[in-house]
Amino acid sequence: KGRVVRAGERAMVDLCVLARKAYFHPQTKGSCSIKKVLP
């Protein structure tokens, strides 16, 4: 239900979340898709 109940000690970091929070380029039109961010 949206709440973390278990997290591994080496849980993967989501770079898409990082892109959404820290990066904006007008070419992406707001999208955080890797296919838009890379170009």
All heavy atoms as atom14 arrays in JSON, in Angstrom:
{
  "sequence": "KGRVVRAGERAMVDLCVLARKAYFHPQTKGSCSIKKVLP",
  "atom14_mask": [
    [1, 1, 1, 1, 1, 1, 1, 1, 1, 0, 0, 0, 0, 0],
    [1, 1, 1, 1, 0, 0, 0, 0, 0, 0, 0, 0, 0, 0],
    [1, 1, 1, 1, 1, 1, 1, 1, 1, 1, 1, 0, 0, 0],
    [1, 1, 1, 1, 1, 1, 1, 0, 0, 0, 0, 0, 0, 0],
    [1, 1, 1, 1, 1, 1, 1, 0, 0, 0, 0, 0, 0, 0],
    [1, 1, 1, 1, 1, 1, 1, 1, 1, 1, 1, 0, 0, 0],
    [1, 1, 1, 1, 1, 0, 0, 0, 0, 0, 0, 0, 0, 0],
    [1, 1, 1, 1, 0, 0, 0, 0, 0, 0, 0, 0, 0, 0],
    [1, 1, 1, 1, 1, 1, 1, 1, 1, 0, 0, 0, 0, 0],
    [1, 1, 1, 1, 1, 1, 1, 1, 1, 1, 1, 0, 0, 0],
    [1, 1, 1, 1, 1, 0, 0, 0, 0, 0, 0, 0, 0, 0],
    [1, 1, 1, 1, 1, 1, 1, 1, 0, 0, 0, 0, 0, 0],
    [1, 1, 1, 1, 1, 1, 1, 0, 0, 0, 0, 0, 0, 0],
    [1, 1, 1, 1, 1, 1, 1, 1, 0, 0, 0, 0, 0, 0],
    [1, 1, 1, 1, 1, 1, 1, 1, 0, 0, 0, 0, 0, 0],
    [1, 1, 1, 1, 1, 1, 0, 0, 0, 0, 0, 0, 0, 0],
    [1, 1, 1, 1, 1, 1, 1, 0, 0, 0, 0, 0, 0, 0],
    [1, 1, 1, 1, 1, 1, 1, 1, 0, 0, 0, 0, 0, 0],
    [1, 1, 1, 1, 1, 0, 0, 0, 0, 0, 0, 0, 0, 0],
    [1, 1, 1, 1, 1, 1, 1, 1, 1, 1, 1, 0, 0, 0],
    [1, 1, 1, 1, 1, 1, 1, 1, 1, 0, 0, 0, 0, 0],
    [1, 1, 1, 1, 1, 0, 0, 0, 0, 0, 0, 0, 0, 0],
    [1, 1, 1, 1, 1, 1, 1, 1, 1, 1, 1, 1, 0, 0],
    [1, 1, 1, 1, 1, 1, 1, 1, 1, 1, 1, 0, 0, 0],
    [1, 1, 1, 1, 1, 1, 1, 1, 1, 1, 0, 0, 0, 0],
    [1, 1, 1, 1, 1, 1, 1, 0, 0, 0, 0, 0, 0, 0],
    [1, 1, 1, 1, 1, 1, 1, 1, 1, 0, 0, 0, 0, 0],
    [1, 1, 1, 1, 1, 1, 1, 0, 0, 0, 0, 0, 0, 0],
    [1, 1, 1, 1, 1, 1, 1, 1, 1, 0, 0, 0, 0, 0],
    [1, 1, 1, 1, 0, 0, 0, 0, 0, 0, 0, 0, 0, 0],
    [1, 1, 1, 1, 1, 1, 0, 0, 0, 0, 0, 0, 0, 0],
    [1, 1, 1, 1, 1, 1, 0, 0, 0, 0, 0, 0, 0, 0],
    [1, 1, 1, 1, 1, 1, 0, 0, 0, 0, 0, 0, 0, 0],
    [1, 1, 1, 1, 1, 1, 1, 1, 0, 0, 0, 0, 0, 0],
    [1, 1, 1, 1, 1, 1, 1, 1, 1, 0, 0, 0, 0, 0],
    [1, 1, 1, 1, 1, 1, 1, 1, 1, 0, 0, 0, 0, 0],
    [1, 1, 1, 1, 1, 1, 1, 0, 0, 0, 0, 0, 0, 0],
    [1, 1, 1, 1, 1, 1, 1, 1, 0, 0, 0, 0, 0, 0],
    [1, 1, 1, 1, 1, 1, 1, 0, 0, 0, 0, 0, 0, 0]
  ],
  "atom14_positions": [
    [[0.83, -1.21, 0.0], [0.0, 0.0, 0.0], [0.86, 1.26, 0.0], [0.57, 2.25, 0.67], [-0.95, 0.0, 1.2], [-1.94, -1.15, 1.19], [-2.87, -1.09, 2.4], [-3.87, -2.25, 2.35], [-4.8, -2.23, 3.51], [0.0, 0.0, 0.0], [0.0, 0.0, 0.0], [0.0, 0.0, 0.0], [0.0, 0.0, 0.0], [0.0, 0.0, 0.0]],
    [[1.94, 1.19, -0.79], [2.8, 2.36, -0.95], [3.83, 2.57, 0.14], [4.67, 3.48, 0.04], [0.0, 0.0, 0.0], [0.0, 0.0, 0.0], [0.0, 0.0, 0.0], [0.0, 0.0, 0.0], [0.0, 0.0, 0.0], [0.0, 0.0, 0.0], [0.0, 0.0, 0.0], [0.0, 0.0, 0.0], [0.0, 0.0, 0.0], [0.0, 0.0, 0.0]],
    [[3.82, 1.75, 1.19], [4.76, 1.9, 2.3], [5.83, 0.8, 2.24], [5.52, -0.37, 1.98], [4.04, 1.85, 3.63], [3.0, 2.95, 3.83], [2.36, 2.87, 5.2], [3.35, 3.05, 6.25], [3.06, 2.99, 7.55], [1.82, 2.71, 7.94], [4.0, 3.17, 8.45], [0.0, 0.0, 0.0], [0.0, 0.0, 0.0], [0.0, 0.0, 0.0]],
    [[7.07, 1.18, 2.5], [8.18, 0.23, 2.5], [8.07, -0.69, 3.71], [8.0, -0.21, 4.86], [9.53, 0.96, 2.5], [10.67, -0.05, 2.63], [9.69, 1.8, 1.25], [0.0, 0.0, 0.0], [0.0, 0.0, 0.0], [0.0, 0.0, 0.0], [0.0, 0.0, 0.0], [0.0, 0.0, 0.0], [0.0, 0.0, 0.0], [0.0, 0.0, 0.0]],
    [[8.03, -1.99, 3.46], [7.97, -2.96, 4.56], [9.28, -3.72, 4.71], [9.52, -4.35, 5.74], [6.81, -3.95, 4.35], [5.48, -3.23, 4.4], [6.95, -4.72, 3.03], [0.0, 0.0, 0.0], [0.0, 0.0, 0.0], [0.0, 0.0, 0.0], [0.0, 0.0, 0.0], [0.0, 0.0, 0.0], [0.0, 0.0, 0.0], [0.0, 0.0, 0.0]],
    [[10.12, -3.67, 3.67], [11.44, -4.3, 3.75], [12.35, -3.67, 2.71], [11.94, -3.44, 1.57], [11.35, -5.81, 3.48], [12.7, -6.53, 3.65], [12.68, -7.93, 3.05], [12.43, -7.92, 1.62], [13.34, -7.63, 0.69], [14.57, -7.29, 1.05], [13.02, -7.65, -0.59], [0.0, 0.0, 0.0], [0.0, 0.0, 0.0], [0.0, 0.0, 0.0]],
    [[13.58, -3.37, 3.11], [14.56, -2.81, 2.18], [15.89, -3.53, 2.38], [16.39, -3.63, 3.5], [14.74, -1.32, 2.4], [0.0, 0.0, 0.0], [0.0, 0.0, 0.0], [0.0, 0.0, 0.0], [0.0, 0.0, 0.0], [0.0, 0.0, 0.0], [0.0, 0.0, 0.0], [0.0, 0.0, 0.0], [0.0, 0.0, 0.0], [0.0, 0.0, 0.0]],
    [[16.43, -4.06, 1.29], [17.71, -4.75, 1.37], [18.84, -3.79, 1.69], [18.78, -2.6, 1.38], [0.0, 0.0, 0.0], [0.0, 0.0, 0.0], [0.0, 0.0, 0.0], [0.0, 0.0, 0.0], [0.0, 0.0, 0.0], [0.0, 0.0, 0.0], [0.0, 0.0, 0.0], [0.0, 0.0, 0.0], [0.0, 0.0, 0.0], [0.0, 0.0, 0.0]],
    [[19.9, -4.33, 2.31], [21.02, -3.49, 2.69], [21.75, -2.89, 1.49], [22.51, -1.93, 1.62], [22.01, -4.28, 3.56], [22.6, -5.52, 2.9], [21.76, -6.77, 3.16], [20.55, -6.64, 3.42], [22.34, -7.88, 3.09], [0.0, 0.0, 0.0], [0.0, 0.0, 0.0], [0.0, 0.0, 0.0], [0.0, 0.0, 0.0], [0.0, 0.0, 0.0]],
    [[21.5, -3.45, 0.31], [22.13, -2.94, -0.91], [21.05, -2.59, -1.94], [21.25, -2.75, -3.14], [23.07, -4.02, -1.47], [24.15, -3.52, -2.41], [24.95, -4.7, -2.93], [25.94, -4.3, -3.9], [26.63, -5.14, -4.66], [26.42, -6.46, -4.53], [27.52, -4.71, -5.53], [0.0, 0.0, 0.0], [0.0, 0.0, 0.0], [0.0, 0.0, 0.0]],
    [[19.92, -2.12, -1.44], [18.77, -1.85, -2.32], [19.16, -0.93, -3.46], [19.87, 0.07, -3.27], [17.63, -1.24, -1.51], [0.0, 0.0, 0.0], [0.0, 0.0, 0.0], [0.0, 0.0, 0.0], [0.0, 0.0, 0.0], [0.0, 0.0, 0.0], [0.0, 0.0, 0.0], [0.0, 0.0, 0.0], [0.0, 0.0, 0.0], [0.0, 0.0, 0.0]],
    [[18.7, -1.25, -4.65], [19.06, -0.52, -5.86], [18.6, 0.94, -5.79], [17.52, 1.25, -5.29], [18.45, -1.19, -7.09], [19.03, -2.56, -7.39], [18.22, -3.38, -8.79], [16.64, -3.85, -8.03], [0.0, 0.0, 0.0], [0.0, 0.0, 0.0], [0.0, 0.0, 0.0], [0.0, 0.0, 0.0], [0.0, 0.0, 0.0], [0.0, 0.0, 0.0]],
    [[19.42, 1.83, -6.32], [19.11, 3.26, -6.42], [18.47, 3.52, -7.77], [18.99, 3.11, -8.81], [20.38, 4.11, -6.26], [20.07, 5.59, -6.49], [20.99, 3.89, -4.89], [0.0, 0.0, 0.0], [0.0, 0.0, 0.0], [0.0, 0.0, 0.0], [0.0, 0.0, 0.0], [0.0, 0.0, 0.0], [0.0, 0.0, 0.0], [0.0, 0.0, 0.0]],
    [[17.34, 4.21, -7.75], [16.6, 4.5, -8.99], [17.07, 5.83, -9.56], [16.74, 6.9, -9.03], [15.1, 4.53, -8.71], [14.27, 4.59, -9.98], [14.84, 4.87, -11.05], [13.05, 4.37, -9.9], [0.0, 0.0, 0.0], [0.0, 0.0, 0.0], [0.0, 0.0, 0.0], [0.0, 0.0, 0.0], [0.0, 0.0, 0.0], [0.0, 0.0, 0.0]],
    [[17.84, 5.8, -10.64], [18.34, 7.02, -11.25], [17.22, 7.84, -11.9], [17.37, 9.04, -12.1], [19.41, 6.7, -12.3], [20.8, 6.36, -11.76], [21.74, 6.03, -12.91], [21.36, 7.5, -10.94], [0.0, 0.0, 0.0], [0.0, 0.0, 0.0], [0.0, 0.0, 0.0], [0.0, 0.0, 0.0], [0.0, 0.0, 0.0], [0.0, 0.0, 0.0]],
    [[16.11, 7.19, -12.23], [14.98, 7.92, -12.79], [14.43, 8.9, -11.76], [14.05, 10.03, -12.1], [13.89, 6.95, -13.25], [12.5, 7.74, -14.09], [0.0, 0.0, 0.0], [0.0, 0.0, 0.0], [0.0, 0.0, 0.0], [0.0, 0.0, 0.0], [0.0, 0.0, 0.0], [0.0, 0.0, 0.0], [0.0, 0.0, 0.0], [0.0, 0.0, 0.0]],
    [[14.37, 8.49, -10.5], [13.93, 9.38, -9.43], [14.89, 10.56, -9.3], [14.48, 11.72, -9.13], [13.82, 8.62, -8.1], [13.53, 9.58, -6.95], [12.74, 7.55, -8.19], [0.0, 0.0, 0.0], [0.0, 0.0, 0.0], [0.0, 0.0, 0.0], [0.0, 0.0, 0.0], [0.0, 0.0, 0.0], [0.0, 0.0, 0.0], [0.0, 0.0, 0.0]],
    [[16.18, 10.29, -9.4], [17.19, 11.34, -9.33], [17.01, 12.33, -10.48], [17.11, 13.55, -10.29], [18.58, 10.72, -9.36], [19.74, 11.55, -8.79], [19.47, 11.92, -7.35], [21.05, 10.79, -8.91], [0.0, 0.0, 0.0], [0.0, 0.0, 0.0], [0.0, 0.0, 0.0], [0.0, 0.0, 0.0], [0.0, 0.0, 0.0], [0.0, 0.0, 0.0]],
    [[16.74, 11.82, -11.67], [16.5, 12.69, -12.82], [15.27, 13.56, -12.6], [15.28, 14.76, -12.93], [16.33, 11.85, -14.08], [0.0, 0.0, 0.0], [0.0, 0.0, 0.0], [0.0, 0.0, 0.0], [0.0, 0.0, 0.0], [0.0, 0.0, 0.0], [0.0, 0.0, 0.0], [0.0, 0.0, 0.0], [0.0, 0.0, 0.0], [0.0, 0.0, 0.0]],
    [[14.23, 12.99, -12.05], [13.0, 13.74, -11.83], [13.2, 14.85, -10.8], [12.62, 15.93, -10.91], [11.89, 12.8, -11.37], [10.53, 13.47, -11.29], [9.41, 12.49, -11.03], [9.42, 11.98, -9.66], [9.67, 10.74, -9.32], [9.94, 9.83, -10.26], [9.65, 10.35, -8.06], [0.0, 0.0, 0.0], [0.0, 0.0, 0.0], [0.0, 0.0, 0.0]],
    [[14.02, 14.6, -9.79], [14.2, 15.56, -8.71], [15.27, 16.62, -9.01], [15.19, 17.74, -8.5], [14.6, 14.82, -7.43], [13.5, 13.96, -6.83], [12.42, 14.81, -6.2], [11.42, 13.98, -5.44], [10.36, 14.83, -4.81], [0.0, 0.0, 0.0], [0.0, 0.0, 0.0], [0.0, 0.0, 0.0], [0.0, 0.0, 0.0], [0.0, 0.0, 0.0]],
    [[16.28, 16.27, -9.81], [17.45, 17.15, -9.91], [17.75, 17.67, -11.31], [18.6, 18.56, -11.45], [18.68, 16.4, -9.38], [0.0, 0.0, 0.0], [0.0, 0.0, 0.0], [0.0, 0.0, 0.0], [0.0, 0.0, 0.0], [0.0, 0.0, 0.0], [0.0, 0.0, 0.0], [0.0, 0.0, 0.0], [0.0, 0.0, 0.0], [0.0, 0.0, 0.0]],
    [[17.07, 17.17, -12.35], [17.48, 17.53, -13.72], [16.27, 17.86, -14.57], [15.26, 17.16, -14.53], [18.25, 16.37, -14.33], [18.65, 16.56, -15.78], [19.71, 17.39, -16.13], [17.96, 15.91, -16.8], [20.08, 17.56, -17.45], [18.33, 16.08, -18.13], [19.39, 16.91, -18.46], [19.74, 17.08, -19.77], [0.0, 0.0, 0.0], [0.0, 0.0, 0.0]],
    [[16.39, 18.95, -15.34], [15.37, 19.27, -16.34], [16.05, 19.89, -17.55], [16.83, 20.83, -17.44], [14.33, 20.25, -15.81], [13.29, 20.61, -16.84], [12.13, 19.87, -16.96], [13.5, 21.67, -17.72], [11.19, 20.18, -17.94], [12.57, 21.99, -18.7], [11.41, 21.24, -18.81], [0.0, 0.0, 0.0], [0.0, 0.0, 0.0], [0.0, 0.0, 0.0]],
    [[15.75, 19.33, -18.72], [16.22, 19.89, -19.99], [14.99, 20.08, -20.88], [14.16, 19.16, -20.98], [17.22, 18.95, -20.66], [17.96, 19.57, -21.81], [17.34, 19.88, -23.0], [19.27, 19.95, -21.95], [18.23, 20.43, -23.83], [19.4, 20.48, -23.21], [0.0, 0.0, 0.0], [0.0, 0.0, 0.0], [0.0, 0.0, 0.0], [0.0, 0.0, 0.0]],
    [[14.83, 21.24, -21.51], [13.62, 21.46, -22.31], [13.41, 20.45, -23.41], [12.27, 20.19, -23.82], [13.82, 22.88, -22.87], [15.29, 23.16, -22.73], [15.73, 22.41, -21.54], [0.0, 0.0, 0.0], [0.0, 0.0, 0.0], [0.0, 0.0, 0.0], [0.0, 0.0, 0.0], [0.0, 0.0, 0.0], [0.0, 0.0, 0.0], [0.0, 0.0, 0.0]],
    [[14.48, 19.84, -23.89], [14.35, 18.84, -24.96], [13.56, 17.63, -24.51], [12.9, 16.97, -25.32], [15.75, 18.41, -25.42], [15.75, 17.42, -26.58], [17.17, 17.06, -27.0], [18.08, 17.88, -26.92], [17.37, 15.82, -27.44], [0.0, 0.0, 0.0], [0.0, 0.0, 0.0], [0.0, 0.0, 0.0], [0.0, 0.0, 0.0], [0.0, 0.0, 0.0]],
    [[13.56, 17.33, -23.21], [12.83, 16.15, -22.71], [11.34, 16.4, -22.55], [10.58, 15.47, -22.34], [13.38, 15.73, -21.33], [13.06, 16.75, -20.37], [14.89, 15.52, -21.37], [0.0, 0.0, 0.0], [0.0, 0.0, 0.0], [0.0, 0.0, 0.0], [0.0, 0.0, 0.0], [0.0, 0.0, 0.0], [0.0, 0.0, 0.0], [0.0, 0.0, 0.0]],
    [[10.91, 17.68, -22.61], [9.51, 18.05, -22.4], [8.98, 17.52, -21.07], [7.84, 17.09, -20.96], [8.64, 17.57, -23.55], [9.0, 18.2, -24.89], [8.07, 17.76, -26.0], [8.43, 18.45, -27.32], [7.53, 18.03, -28.43], [0.0, 0.0, 0.0], [0.0, 0.0, 0.0], [0.0, 0.0, 0.0], [0.0, 0.0, 0.0], [0.0, 0.0, 0.0]],
    [[9.85, 17.51, -20.09], [9.46, 17.08, -18.75], [9.66, 15.61, -18.48], [9.68, 15.19, -17.32], [0.0, 0.0, 0.0], [0.0, 0.0, 0.0], [0.0, 0.0, 0.0], [0.0, 0.0, 0.0], [0.0, 0.0, 0.0], [0.0, 0.0, 0.0], [0.0, 0.0, 0.0], [0.0, 0.0, 0.0], [0.0, 0.0, 0.0], [0.0, 0.0, 0.0]],
    [[9.78, 14.81, -19.51], [9.88, 13.37, -19.33], [11.19, 12.98, -18.65], [12.23, 13.62, -18.84], [9.79, 12.67, -20.7], [10.09, 11.3, -20.58], [0.0, 0.0, 0.0], [0.0, 0.0, 0.0], [0.0, 0.0, 0.0], [0.0, 0.0, 0.0], [0.0, 0.0, 0.0], [0.0, 0.0, 0.0], [0.0, 0.0, 0.0], [0.0, 0.0, 0.0]],
    [[11.13, 11.91, -17.86], [12.33, 11.36, -17.23], [12.7, 10.02, -17.85], [13.51, 9.27, -17.27], [12.12, 11.21, -15.73], [11.76, 12.76, -14.9], [0.0, 0.0, 0.0], [0.0, 0.0, 0.0], [0.0, 0.0, 0.0], [0.0, 0.0, 0.0], [0.0, 0.0, 0.0], [0.0, 0.0, 0.0], [0.0, 0.0, 0.0], [0.0, 0.0, 0.0]],
    [[12.11, 9.68, -18.97], [12.47, 8.45, -19.68], [13.92, 8.51, -20.09], [14.42, 9.54, -20.57], [11.58, 8.28, -20.92], [12.13, 7.34, -21.82], [0.0, 0.0, 0.0], [0.0, 0.0, 0.0], [0.0, 0.0, 0.0], [0.0, 0.0, 0.0], [0.0, 0.0, 0.0], [0.0, 0.0, 0.0], [0.0, 0.0, 0.0], [0.0, 0.0, 0.0]],
    [[14.62, 7.4, -19.92], [16.04, 7.37, -20.29], [16.22, 7.63, -21.78], [17.24, 8.19, -22.22], [16.68, 6.03, -19.88], [18.2, 6.14, -19.88], [16.21, 4.89, -20.78], [18.9, 4.96, -19.24], [0.0, 0.0, 0.0], [0.0, 0.0, 0.0], [0.0, 0.0, 0.0], [0.0, 0.0, 0.0], [0.0, 0.0, 0.0], [0.0, 0.0, 0.0]],
    [[15.2, 7.27, -22.59], [15.28, 7.5, -24.04], [15.13, 8.98, -24.38], [15.44, 9.38, -25.5], [14.19, 6.69, -24.74], [14.3, 5.17, -24.51], [15.55, 4.59, -25.15], [15.76, 3.12, -24.78], [14.69, 2.24, -25.2], [0.0, 0.0, 0.0], [0.0, 0.0, 0.0], [0.0, 0.0, 0.0], [0.0, 0.0, 0.0], [0.0, 0.0, 0.0]],
    [[14.64, 9.8, -23.43], [14.55, 11.24, -23.64], [15.71, 11.97, -22.96], [16.21, 12.97, -23.49], [13.22, 11.76, -23.07], [11.98, 11.19, -23.73], [11.83, 11.68, -25.16], [10.57, 11.12, -25.82], [9.33, 11.57, -25.15], [0.0, 0.0, 0.0], [0.0, 0.0, 0.0], [0.0, 0.0, 0.0], [0.0, 0.0, 0.0], [0.0, 0.0, 0.0]],
    [[16.12, 11.49, -21.8], [17.18, 12.16, -21.07], [18.53, 11.99, -21.77], [19.33, 12.93, -21.85], [17.25, 11.64, -19.62], [18.45, 12.25, -18.88], [15.96, 11.97, -18.88], [0.0, 0.0, 0.0], [0.0, 0.0, 0.0], [0.0, 0.0, 0.0], [0.0, 0.0, 0.0], [0.0, 0.0, 0.0], [0.0, 0.0, 0.0], [0.0, 0.0, 0.0]],
    [[18.81, 10.8, -22.3], [20.12, 10.56, -22.93], [20.4, 11.52, -24.09], [21.46, 12.15, -24.12], [20.22, 9.11, -23.4], [21.54, 8.76, -24.12], [22.74, 8.98, -23.21], [21.51, 7.33, -24.65], [0.0, 0.0, 0.0], [0.0, 0.0, 0.0], [0.0, 0.0, 0.0], [0.0, 0.0, 0.0], [0.0, 0.0, 0.0], [0.0, 0.0, 0.0]],
    [[19.49, 11.69, -25.07], [19.78, 12.65, -26.14], [19.99, 14.07, -25.63], [20.8, 14.81, -26.18], [18.54, 12.56, -27.04], [17.94, 11.24, -26.75], [18.21, 10.98, -25.3], [0.0, 0.0, 0.0], [0.0, 0.0, 0.0], [0.0, 0.0, 0.0], [0.0, 0.0, 0.0], [0.0, 0.0, 0.0], [0.0, 0.0, 0.0], [0.0, 0.0, 0.0]]
  ]
}
